[in-house]
PDB file of N, CA and C in Angstrom:
ATOM      1  N   MET A   1       0.816  -1.183   0.000  1.00  0.00           N
ATOM      2  CA  MET A   1       0.000   0.000   0.000  1.00  0.00           C
ATOM      3  C   MET A   1       0.871   1.262   0.000  1.00  0.00           C
ATOM      4  N   LYS A   2       1.936   1.259   0.843  1.00  0.00           N
ATOM      5  CA  LYS A   2       2.818   2.417   0.890  1.00  0.00           C
ATOM      6  C   LYS A   2       3.513   2.632  -0.446  1.00  0.00           C
ATOM      7  N   THR A   3       3.879   1.555  -1.101  1.00  0.00           N
ATOM      8  CA  THR A   3       4.557   1.650  -2.383  1.00  0.00           C
ATOM      9  C   THR A   3       3.628   2.270  -3.423  1.00  0.00           C
ATOM     10  N   MET A   4       2.373   1.886  -3.410  1.00  0.00           N
ATOM     11  CA  MET A   4       1.426   2.415  -4.366  1.00  0.00           C
ATOM     12  C   MET A   4       1.198   3.918  -4.126  1.00  0.00           C
ATOM     13  N   ILE A   5       1.135   4.347  -2.881  1.00  0.00           N
ATOM     14  CA  ILE A   5       0.955   5.763  -2.563  1.00  0.00           C
ATOM     15  C   ILE A   5       2.191   6.547  -2.991  1.00  0.00           C
ATOM     16  N   MET A   6       3.383   5.978  -2.738  1.00  0.00           N
ATOM     17  CA  MET A   6       4.603   6.649  -3.151  1.00  0.00           C
ATOM     18  C   MET A   6       4.682   6.743  -4.661  1.00  0.00           C
ATOM     19  N   ASN A   7       4.294   5.693  -5.355  1.00  0.00           N
ATOM     20  CA  ASN A   7       4.323   5.730  -6.815  1.00  0.00           C
ATOM     21  C   ASN A   7       3.389   6.810  -7.355  1.00  0.00           C
ATOM     22  N   ARG A   8       2.204   6.934  -6.753  1.00  0.00           N
ATOM     23  CA  ARG A   8       1.263   7.967  -7.183  1.00  0.00           C
ATOM     24  C   ARG A   8       1.828   9.357  -6.884  1.00  0.00           C
ATOM     25  N   THR A   9       2.470   9.504  -5.732  1.00  0.00           N
ATOM     26  CA  THR A   9       3.057  10.787  -5.361  1.00  0.00           C
ATOM     27  C   THR A   9       4.176  11.152  -6.318  1.00  0.00           C
ATOM     28  N   VAL A  10       5.033  10.199  -6.618  1.00  0.00           N
ATOM     29  CA  VAL A  10       6.136  10.450  -7.543  1.00  0.00           C
ATOM     30  C   VAL A  10       5.586  10.764  -8.933  1.00  0.00           C
ATOM     31  N   ALA A  11       4.578  10.022  -9.354  1.00  0.00           N
ATOM     32  CA  ALA A  11       3.978  10.260 -10.660  1.00  0.00           C
ATOM     33  C   ALA A  11       3.339  11.650 -10.704  1.00  0.00           C
ATOM     34  N   SER A  12       2.701  12.049  -9.621  1.00  0.00           N
ATOM     35  CA  SER A  12       2.084  13.373  -9.559  1.00  0.00           C
ATOM     36  C   SER A  12       3.147  14.464  -9.633  1.00  0.00           C
ATOM     37  N   MET A  13       4.264  14.269  -8.937  1.00  0.00           N
ATOM     38  CA  MET A  13       5.336  15.256  -8.971  1.00  0.00           C
ATOM     39  C   MET A  13       5.913  15.375 -10.379  1.00  0.00           C
ATOM     40  N   PHE A  14       6.111  14.244 -11.066  1.00  0.00           N
ATOM     41  CA  PHE A  14       6.618  14.295 -12.438  1.00  0.00           C
ATOM     42  C   PHE A  14       5.632  15.000 -13.366  1.00  0.00           C
ATOM     43  N   PHE A  15       4.347  14.762 -13.156  1.00  0.00           N
ATOM     44  CA  PHE A  15       3.337  15.417 -13.971  1.00  0.00           C
ATOM     45  C   PHE A  15       3.387  16.933 -13.773  1.00  0.00           C
ATOM     46  N   VAL A  16       3.437  17.364 -12.512  1.00  0.00           N
ATOM     47  CA  VAL A  16       3.505  18.792 -12.220  1.00  0.00           C
ATOM     48  C   VAL A  16       4.773  19.394 -12.810  1.00  0.00           C
ATOM     49  N   LEU A  17       5.885  18.689 -12.686  1.00  0.00           N
ATOM     50  CA  LEU A  17       7.148  19.160 -13.239  1.00  0.00           C
ATOM     51  C   LEU A  17       7.074  19.279 -14.761  1.00  0.00           C
ATOM     52  N   ALA A  18       6.475  18.302 -15.412  1.00  0.00           N
ATOM     53  CA  ALA A  18       6.353  18.326 -16.866  1.00  0.00           C
ATOM     54  C   ALA A  18       5.462  19.474 -17.320  1.00  0.00           C
ATOM     55  N   VAL A  19       4.356  19.708 -16.628  1.00  0.00           N
ATOM     56  CA  VAL A  19       3.449  20.796 -16.993  1.00  0.00           C
ATOM     57  C   VAL A  19       4.135  22.144 -16.805  1.00  0.00           C
ATOM     58  N   SER A  20       4.850  22.309 -15.690  1.00  0.00           N
ATOM     59  CA  SER A  20       5.515  23.592 -15.470  1.00  0.00           C
ATOM     60  C   SER A  20       6.650  23.806 -16.456  1.00  0.00           C
ATOM     61  N   ALA A  21       7.345  22.748 -16.844  1.00  0.00           N
ATOM     62  CA  ALA A  21       8.419  22.874 -17.828  1.00  0.00           C
ATOM     63  C   ALA A  21       7.862  23.269 -19.189  1.00  0.00           C
ATOM     64  N   SER A  22       6.740  22.709 -19.575  1.00  0.00           N
ATOM     65  CA  SER A  22       6.161  23.066 -20.869  1.00  0.00           C
ATOM     66  C   SER A  22       5.621  24.491 -20.849  1.00  0.00           C
ATOM     67  N   ALA A  23       5.074  24.906 -19.715  1.00  0.00           N
ATOM     68  CA  ALA A  23       4.589  26.281 -19.610  1.00  0.00           C
ATOM     69  C   ALA A  23       5.750  27.262 -19.664  1.00  0.00           C
ATOM     70  N   THR A  24       6.865  26.916 -19.012  1.00  0.00           N
ATOM     71  CA  THR A  24       8.044  27.774 -19.040  1.00  0.00           C
ATOM     72  C   THR A  24       8.592  27.879 -20.455  1.00  0.00           C
ATOM     73  N   THR A  25       8.630  26.775 -21.182  1.00  0.00           N
ATOM     74  CA  THR A  25       9.101  26.788 -22.558  1.00  0.00           C
ATOM     75  C   THR A  25       8.196  27.645 -23.434  1.00  0.00           C
ATOM     76  N   ALA A  26       6.904  27.546 -23.231  1.00  0.00           N
ATOM     77  CA  ALA A  26       5.973  28.345 -24.015  1.00  0.00           C
ATOM     78  C   ALA A  26       6.149  29.833 -23.729  1.00  0.00           C
ATOM     79  N   MET A  27       6.363  30.176 -22.456  1.00  0.00           N
ATOM     80  CA  MET A  27       6.566  31.583 -22.117  1.00  0.00           C
ATOM     81  C   MET A  27       7.883  32.097 -22.692  1.00  0.00           C
ATOM     82  N   ALA A  28       8.916  31.259 -22.670  1.00  0.00           N
ATOM     83  CA  ALA A  28      10.206  31.678 -23.205  1.00  0.00           C
ATOM     84  C   ALA A  28      10.119  31.911 -24.707  1.00  0.00           C
ATOM     85  N   GLN A  29       9.359  31.101 -25.411  1.00  0.00           N
ATOM     86  CA  GLN A  29       9.229  31.264 -26.850  1.00  0.00           C
ATOM     87  C   GLN A  29       8.475  32.552 -27.186  1.00  0.00           C
ATOM     88  N   THR A  30       7.464  32.888 -26.411  1.00  0.00           N
ATOM     89  CA  THR A  30       6.723  34.111 -26.704  1.00  0.00           C
ATOM     90  C   THR A  30       7.509  35.348 -26.293  1.00  0.00           C
ATOM     91  N   ALA A  31       8.366  35.231 -25.296  1.00  0.00           N
ATOM     92  CA  ALA A  31       9.142  36.385 -24.847  1.00  0.00           C
ATOM     93  C   ALA A  31      10.207  36.772 -25.863  1.00  0.00           C
ATOM     94  N   VAL A  32      10.668  35.833 -26.666  1.00  0.00           N
ATOM     95  CA  VAL A  32      11.728  36.094 -27.623  1.00  0.00           C
ATOM     96  C   VAL A  32      11.194  36.787 -28.876  1.00  0.00           C
ATOM     97  N   GLN A  33       9.923  36.613 -29.168  1.00  0.00           N
ATOM     98  CA  GLN A  33       9.337  37.172 -30.375  1.00  0.00           C
ATOM     99  C   GLN A  33       9.317  38.696 -30.293  1.00  0.00           C
ATOM    100  N   PRO A  34       9.988  39.401 -31.223  1.00  0.00           N
ATOM    101  CA  PRO A  34       9.953  40.861 -31.195  1.00  0.00           C
ATOM    102  C   PRO A  34       8.605  41.377 -31.704  1.00  0.00           C
ATOM    103  N   VAL A  35       8.190  42.480 -31.141  1.00  0.00           N
ATOM    104  CA  VAL A  35       6.948  43.109 -31.565  1.00  0.00           C
ATOM    105  C   VAL A  35       7.317  44.198 -32.562  1.00  0.00           C
ATOM    106  N   LEU A  36       6.898  44.025 -33.787  1.00  0.00           N
ATOM    107  CA  LEU A  36       7.205  44.986 -34.837  1.00  0.00           C
ATOM    108  C   LEU A  36       6.067  45.984 -34.946  1.00  0.00           C
ATOM    109  N   MET A  37       6.414  47.238 -34.719  1.00  0.00           N
ATOM    110  CA  MET A  37       5.419  48.291 -34.828  1.00  0.00           C
ATOM    111  C   MET A  37       5.872  49.249 -35.921  1.00  0.00           C
ATOM    112  N   PRO A  38       4.935  49.770 -36.675  1.00  0.00           N
ATOM    113  CA  PRO A  38       5.318  50.716 -37.733  1.00  0.00           C
ATOM    114  C   PRO A  38       5.847  52.005 -37.113  1.00  0.00           C
ATOM    115  N   GLU A  39       6.762  52.649 -37.831  1.00  0.00           N
ATOM    116  CA  GLU A  39       7.303  53.922 -37.370  1.00  0.00           C
ATOM    117  C   GLU A  39       6.249  55.011 -37.528  1.00  0.00           C
ATOM    118  N   PRO A  40       6.205  55.940 -36.586  1.00  0.00           N
ATOM    119  CA  PRO A  40       5.275  57.065 -36.757  1.00  0.00           C
ATOM    120  C   PRO A  40       5.660  57.891 -37.978  1.00  0.00           C
ATOM    121  N   ALA A  41       4.697  58.485 -38.614  1.00  0.00           N
ATOM    122  CA  ALA A  41       4.943  59.267 -39.831  1.00  0.00           C
ATOM    123  C   ALA A  41       5.886  60.433 -39.563  1.00  0.00           C
ATOM    124  N   ARG A  42       5.846  60.985 -38.352  1.00  0.00           N
ATOM    125  CA  ARG A  42       6.691  62.147 -38.052  1.00  0.00           C
ATOM    126  C   ARG A  42       8.170  61.798 -38.090  1.00  0.00           C
ATOM    127  N   TRP A  43       8.522  60.507 -37.957  1.00  0.00           N
ATOM    128  CA  TRP A  43       9.924  60.106 -38.003  1.00  0.00           C
ATOM    129  C   TRP A  43      10.486  60.164 -39.418  1.00  0.00           C
ATOM    130  N   THR A  44       9.623  60.074 -40.401  1.00  0.00           N
ATOM    131  CA  THR A  44      10.092  60.051 -41.784  1.00  0.00           C
ATOM    132  C   THR A  44       9.856  61.377 -42.499  1.00  0.00           C
ATOM    133  N   GLN A  45       9.243  62.344 -41.826  1.00  0.00           N
ATOM    134  CA  GLN A  45       9.003  63.645 -42.442  1.00  0.00           C
ATOM    135  C   GLN A  45      10.198  64.558 -42.179  1.00  0.00           C
ATOM    136  N   GLU A  46      10.721  65.098 -43.238  1.00  0.00           N
ATOM    137  CA  GLU A  46      11.876  65.974 -43.123  1.00  0.00           C
ATOM    138  C   GLU A  46      11.453  67.352 -42.628  1.00  0.00           C
ATOM    139  N   ASP A  47      12.342  67.959 -41.835  1.00  0.00           N
ATOM    140  CA  ASP A  47      12.102  69.337 -41.400  1.00  0.00           C
ATOM    141  C   ASP A  47      12.285  70.257 -42.602  1.00  0.00           C
ATOM    142  N   VAL A  48      11.299  71.099 -42.863  1.00  0.00           N
ATOM    143  CA  VAL A  48      11.336  71.971 -44.028  1.00  0.00           C
ATOM    144  C   VAL A  48      11.679  73.394 -43.626  1.00  0.00           C
ATOM    145  N   THR A  49      10.986  73.901 -42.633  1.00  0.00           N
ATOM    146  CA  THR A  49      11.188  75.289 -42.246  1.00  0.00           C
ATOM    147  C   THR A  49      12.352  75.417 -41.268  1.00  0.00           C
ATOM    148  N   THR A  50      12.855  76.615 -41.158  1.00  0.00           N
ATOM    149  CA  THR A  50      13.946  76.890 -40.226  1.00  0.00           C
ATOM    150  C   THR A  50      13.491  76.641 -38.786  1.00  0.00           C
ATOM    151  N   GLU A  51      12.261  77.007 -38.476  1.00  0.00           N
ATOM    152  CA  GLU A  51      11.734  76.793 -37.128  1.00  0.00           C
ATOM    153  C   GLU A  51      11.715  75.307 -36.773  1.00  0.00           C
ATOM    154  N   GLN A  52      11.324  74.474 -37.742  1.00  0.00           N
ATOM    155  CA  GLN A  52      11.316  73.029 -37.506  1.00  0.00           C
ATOM    156  C   GLN A  52      12.734  72.516 -37.276  1.00  0.00           C
ATOM    157  N   LYS A  53      13.674  72.996 -38.055  1.00  0.00           N
ATOM    158  CA  LYS A  53      15.062  72.558 -37.906  1.00  0.00           C
ATOM    159  C   LYS A  53      15.640  72.981 -36.565  1.00  0.00           C
ATOM    160  N   ILE A  54      15.327  74.201 -36.133  1.00  0.00           N
ATOM    161  CA  ILE A  54      15.794  74.691 -34.835  1.00  0.00           C
ATOM    162  C   ILE A  54      15.182  73.858 -33.712  1.00  0.00           C
ATOM    163  N   SER A  55      13.891  73.590 -33.821  1.00  0.00           N
ATOM    164  CA  SER A  55      13.197  72.798 -32.807  1.00  0.00           C
ATOM    165  C   SER A  55      13.805  71.402 -32.690  1.00  0.00           C
ATOM    166  N   THR A  56      14.075  70.778 -33.833  1.00  0.00           N
ATOM    167  CA  THR A  56      14.663  69.441 -33.824  1.00  0.00           C
ATOM    168  C   THR A  56      16.075  69.471 -33.240  1.00  0.00           C
ATOM    169  N   ALA A  57      16.863  70.458 -33.606  1.00  0.00           N
ATOM    170  CA  ALA A  57      18.224  70.565 -33.084  1.00  0.00           C
ATOM    171  C   ALA A  57      18.206  70.769 -31.574  1.00  0.00           C
ATOM    172  N   ARG A  58      17.277  71.582 -31.091  1.00  0.00           N
ATOM    173  CA  ARG A  58      17.160  71.816 -29.644  1.00  0.00           C
ATOM    174  C   ARG A  58      16.747  70.529 -28.926  1.00  0.00           C
ATOM    175  N   LYS A  59      15.781  69.805 -29.485  1.00  0.00           N
ATOM    176  CA  LYS A  59      15.343  68.537 -28.884  1.00  0.00           C
ATOM    177  C   LYS A  59      16.488  67.532 -28.834  1.00  0.00           C
ATOM    178  N   GLU A  60      17.287  67.483 -29.897  1.00  0.00           N
ATOM    179  CA  GLU A  60      18.425  66.567 -29.926  1.00  0.00           C
ATOM    180  C   GLU A  60      19.465  66.942 -28.881  1.00  0.00           C
ATOM    181  N   ALA A  61      19.699  68.238 -28.685  1.00  0.00           N
ATOM    182  CA  ALA A  61      20.664  68.683 -27.681  1.00  0.00           C
ATOM    183  C   ALA A  61      20.185  68.321 -26.279  1.00  0.00           C
ATOM    184  N   VAL A  62      18.901  68.523 -26.026  1.00  0.00           N
ATOM    185  CA  VAL A  62      18.334  68.187 -24.717  1.00  0.00           C
ATOM    186  C   VAL A  62      18.403  66.676 -24.483  1.00  0.00           C
ATOM    187  N   ALA A  63      18.057  65.902 -25.506  1.00  0.00           N
ATOM    188  CA  ALA A  63      18.095  64.441 -25.367  1.00  0.00           C
ATOM    189  C   ALA A  63      19.522  63.947 -25.141  1.00  0.00           C
ATOM    190  N   ALA A  64      20.488  64.555 -25.821  1.00  0.00           N
ATOM    191  CA  ALA A  64      21.891  64.163 -25.632  1.00  0.00           C
ATOM    192  C   ALA A  64      22.352  64.489 -24.217  1.00  0.00           C
ATOM    193  N   GLN A  65      21.943  65.643 -23.699  1.00  0.00           N
ATOM    194  CA  GLN A  65      22.313  66.004 -22.333  1.00  0.00           C
ATOM    195  C   GLN A  65      21.690  65.026 -21.344  1.00  0.00           C
ATOM    196  N   GLN A  66      20.420  64.695 -21.521  1.00  0.00           N
ATOM    197  CA  GLN A  66      19.759  63.768 -20.607  1.00  0.00           C
ATOM    198  C   GLN A  66      20.402  62.389 -20.661  1.00  0.00           C
ATOM    199  N   SER A  67      20.767  61.959 -21.843  1.00  0.00           N
ATOM    200  CA  SER A  67      21.442  60.672 -21.996  1.00  0.00           C
ATOM    201  C   SER A  67      22.790  60.682 -21.279  1.00  0.00           C
ATOM    202  N   SER A  68      23.508  61.779 -21.396  1.00  0.00           N
ATOM    203  CA  SER A  68      24.801  61.890 -20.716  1.00  0.00           C
ATOM    204  C   SER A  68      24.630  61.883 -19.204  1.00  0.00           C
ATOM    205  N   ILE A  69      23.633  62.598 -18.711  1.00  0.00           N
ATOM    206  CA  ILE A  69      23.390  62.622 -17.263  1.00  0.00           C
ATOM    207  C   ILE A  69      22.965  61.247 -16.765  1.00  0.00           C
ATOM    208  N   ASP A  70      22.163  60.545 -17.545  1.00  0.00           N
ATOM    209  CA  ASP A  70      21.778  59.178 -17.164  1.00  0.00           C
ATOM    210  C   ASP A  70      23.002  58.272 -17.099  1.00  0.00           C
ATOM    211  N   ALA A  71      23.925  58.441 -18.035  1.00  0.00           N
ATOM    212  CA  ALA A  71      25.154  57.650 -18.021  1.00  0.00           C
ATOM    213  C   ALA A  71      26.018  58.016 -16.811  1.00  0.00           C
ATOM    214  N   CYS A  72      25.963  59.271 -16.390  1.00  0.00           N
ATOM    215  CA  CYS A  72      26.732  59.714 -15.217  1.00  0.00           C
ATOM    216  C   CYS A  72      26.254  59.020 -13.946  1.00  0.00           C
ATOM    217  N   LYS A  73      24.972  58.705 -13.888  1.00  0.00           N
ATOM    218  CA  LYS A  73      24.418  58.079 -12.686  1.00  0.00           C
ATOM    219  C   LYS A  73      25.075  56.741 -12.393  1.00  0.00           C
ATOM    220  N   SER A  74      25.547  56.056 -13.422  1.00  0.00           N
ATOM    221  CA  SER A  74      26.188  54.761 -13.205  1.00  0.00           C
ATOM    222  C   SER A  74      27.608  54.907 -12.670  1.00  0.00           C
ATOM    223  N   THR A  75      28.214  56.094 -12.817  1.00  0.00           N
ATOM    224  CA  THR A  75      29.582  56.277 -12.323  1.00  0.00           C
ATOM    225  C   THR A  75      29.604  56.400 -10.814  1.00  0.00           C
ATOM    226  N   GLY A  76      28.704  57.200 -10.261  1.00  0.00           N
ATOM    227  CA  GLY A  76      28.624  57.368  -8.820  1.00  0.00           C
ATOM    228  C   GLY A  76      29.869  58.006  -8.229  1.00  0.00           C
ATOM    229  N   GLY A  77      29.807  58.245  -6.943  1.00  0.00           N
ATOM    230  CA  GLY A  77      30.961  58.774  -6.229  1.00  0.00           C
ATOM    231  C   GLY A  77      31.383  60.152  -6.679  1.00  0.00           C
ATOM    232  N   PRO A  78      32.658  60.463  -6.514  1.00  0.00           N
ATOM    233  CA  PRO A  78      33.154  61.811  -6.820  1.00  0.00           C
ATOM    234  C   PRO A  78      33.165  62.128  -8.315  1.00  0.00           C
ATOM    235  N   THR A  79      33.184  61.127  -9.160  1.00  0.00           N
ATOM    236  CA  THR A  79      33.211  61.391 -10.603  1.00  0.00           C
ATOM    237  C   THR A  79      31.843  61.810 -11.137  1.00  0.00           C
ATOM    238  N   TYR A  80      30.795  61.585 -10.350  1.00  0.00           N
ATOM    239  CA  TYR A  80      29.441  61.914 -10.810  1.00  0.00           C
ATOM    240  C   TYR A  80      29.308  63.412 -11.092  1.00  0.00           C
ATOM    241  N   GLN A  81      29.737  64.243 -10.157  1.00  0.00           N
ATOM    242  CA  GLN A  81      29.592  65.688 -10.339  1.00  0.00           C
ATOM    243  C   GLN A  81      30.386  66.188 -11.537  1.00  0.00           C
ATOM    244  N   ALA A  82      31.596  65.682 -11.702  1.00  0.00           N
ATOM    245  CA  ALA A  82      32.415  66.085 -12.850  1.00  0.00           C
ATOM    246  C   ALA A  82      31.748  65.650 -14.153  1.00  0.00           C
ATOM    247  N   CYS A  83      31.148  64.495 -14.143  1.00  0.00           N
ATOM    248  CA  CYS A  83      30.466  63.980 -15.330  1.00  0.00           C
ATOM    249  C   CYS A  83      29.256  64.857 -15.677  1.00  0.00           C
ATOM    250  N   VAL A  84      28.488  65.256 -14.668  1.00  0.00           N
ATOM    251  CA  VAL A  84      27.317  66.118 -14.895  1.00  0.00           C
ATOM    252  C   VAL A  84      27.766  67.478 -15.420  1.00  0.00           C
ATOM    253  N   VAL A  85      28.836  68.017 -14.856  1.00  0.00           N
ATOM    254  CA  VAL A  85      29.358  69.301 -15.334  1.00  0.00           C
ATOM    255  C   VAL A  85      29.763  69.188 -16.799  1.00  0.00           C
ATOM    256  N   GLU A  86      30.425  68.091 -17.154  1.00  0.00           N
ATOM    257  CA  GLU A  86      30.827  67.882 -18.548  1.00  0.00           C
ATOM    258  C   GLU A  86      29.603  67.775 -19.464  1.00  0.00           C
ATOM    259  N   ALA A  87      28.548  67.096 -18.988  1.00  0.00           N
ATOM    260  CA  ALA A  87      27.317  66.977 -19.778  1.00  0.00           C
ATOM    261  C   ALA A  87      26.698  68.351 -20.013  1.00  0.00           C
ATOM    262  N   ARG A  88      26.719  69.204 -18.995  1.00  0.00           N
ATOM    263  CA  ARG A  88      26.153  70.551 -19.145  1.00  0.00           C
ATOM    264  C   ARG A  88      26.994  71.406 -20.088  1.00  0.00           C
ATOM    265  N   VAL A  89      28.311  71.271 -20.004  1.00  0.00           N
ATOM    266  CA  VAL A  89      29.200  72.021 -20.908  1.00  0.00           C
ATOM    267  C   VAL A  89      28.956  71.574 -22.347  1.00  0.00           C
ATOM    268  N   ASN A  90      28.832  70.267 -22.542  1.00  0.00           N
ATOM    269  CA  ASN A  90      28.548  69.762 -23.891  1.00  0.00           C
ATOM    270  C   ASN A  90      27.210  70.282 -24.414  1.00  0.00           C
ATOM    271  N   TYR A  91      26.209  70.355 -23.535  1.00  0.00           N
ATOM    272  CA  TYR A  91      24.907  70.895 -23.923  1.00  0.00           C
ATOM    273  C   TYR A  91      25.044  72.359 -24.347  1.00  0.00           C
ATOM    274  N   GLN A  92      25.762  73.145 -23.546  1.00  0.00           N
ATOM    275  CA  GLN A  92      25.960  74.553 -23.893  1.00  0.00           C
ATOM    276  C   GLN A  92      26.697  74.695 -25.226  1.00  0.00           C
ATOM    277  N   ASN A  93      27.676  73.831 -25.466  1.00  0.00           N
ATOM    278  CA  ASN A  93      28.393  73.854 -26.748  1.00  0.00           C
ATOM    279  C   ASN A  93      27.460  73.500 -27.905  1.00  0.00           C
ATOM    280  N   ASP A  94      26.588  72.503 -27.691  1.00  0.00           N
ATOM    281  CA  ASP A  94      25.634  72.122 -28.732  1.00  0.00           C
ATOM    282  C   ASP A  94      24.675  73.270 -29.048  1.00  0.00           C
ATOM    283  N   ILE A  95      24.169  73.925 -28.009  1.00  0.00           N
ATOM    284  CA  ILE A  95      23.240  75.045 -28.210  1.00  0.00           C
ATOM    285  C   ILE A  95      23.951  76.208 -28.894  1.00  0.00           C
ATOM    286  N   SER A  96      25.198  76.464 -28.494  1.00  0.00           N
ATOM    287  CA  SER A  96      25.972  77.530 -29.122  1.00  0.00           C
ATOM    288  C   SER A  96      26.197  77.244 -30.606  1.00  0.00           C
ATOM    289  N   ALA A  97      26.557  76.003 -30.915  1.00  0.00           N
ATOM    290  CA  ALA A  97      26.756  75.617 -32.317  1.00  0.00           C
ATOM    291  C   ALA A  97      25.453  75.724 -33.101  1.00  0.00           C
ATOM    292  N   MET A  98      24.343  75.351 -32.467  1.00  0.00           N
ATOM    293  CA  MET A  98      23.043  75.453 -33.127  1.00  0.00           C
ATOM    294  C   MET A  98      22.720  76.923 -33.411  1.00  0.00           C
ATOM    295  N   ASN A  99      22.963  77.781 -32.440  1.00  0.00           N
ATOM    296  CA  ASN A  99      22.682  79.206 -32.634  1.00  0.00           C
ATOM    297  C   ASN A  99      23.522  79.790 -33.767  1.00  0.00           C
ATOM    298  N   LYS A 100      24.790  79.406 -33.834  1.00  0.00           N
ATOM    299  CA  LYS A 100      25.654  79.886 -34.924  1.00  0.00           C
ATOM    300  C   LYS A 100      25.174  79.340 -36.255  1.00  0.00           C
ATOM    301  N   ARG A 101      24.793  78.088 -36.270  1.00  0.00           N
ATOM    302  CA  ARG A 101      24.370  77.438 -37.524  1.00  0.00           C
ATOM    303  C   ARG A 101      23.135  78.114 -38.118  1.00  0.00           C
ATOM    304  N   PHE A 102      22.193  78.508 -37.241  1.00  0.00           N
ATOM    305  CA  PHE A 102      20.960  79.102 -37.729  1.00  0.00           C
ATOM    306  C   PHE A 102      20.952  80.618 -37.638  1.00  0.00           C
ATOM    307  N   GLY A 103      22.086  81.208 -37.332  1.00  0.00           N
ATOM    308  CA  GLY A 103      22.183  82.656 -37.290  1.00  0.00           C
ATOM    309  C   GLY A 103      21.428  83.295 -36.150  1.00  0.00           C
ATOM    310  N   LEU A 104      21.349  82.606 -35.016  1.00  0.00           N
ATOM    311  CA  LEU A 104      20.619  83.117 -33.871  1.00  0.00           C
ATOM    312  C   LEU A 104      21.512  83.854 -32.889  1.00  0.00           C
ATOM    313  N   VAL A 105      22.792  83.945 -33.202  1.00  0.00           N
ATOM    314  CA  VAL A 105      23.755  84.616 -32.324  1.00  0.00           C
ATOM    315  C   VAL A 105      23.513  86.104 -32.410  1.00  0.00           C
ATOM    316  N   LYS A 106      23.460  86.742 -31.244  1.00  0.00           N
ATOM    317  CA  LYS A 106      23.165  88.175 -31.223  1.00  0.00           C
ATOM    318  C   LYS A 106      24.420  88.998 -31.178  1.00  0.00           C
TER     319      LYS A 106
END
């Protein structure tokens, strides 16, 4: 009787293990599939006017500064402040170059 109960218990454990393994495999297969989404139309439209070009250049400068500051967060310690200062200097240089490029320098 004990052997039969143990056999059922072992069989039940193998069944549960097999079901969980197949579920894990199914989840892993769906997680690997990339989701392809179409690009928004604004990504493929070229800037025509000077205002659009200035706006895009400013957005790119801000995004570059934010990216640099985010990268600084991983440095930590005393180098963090120097890294943030460098990111701000680079931003100011980008804005200055943008102003010269579009004739916005006063």
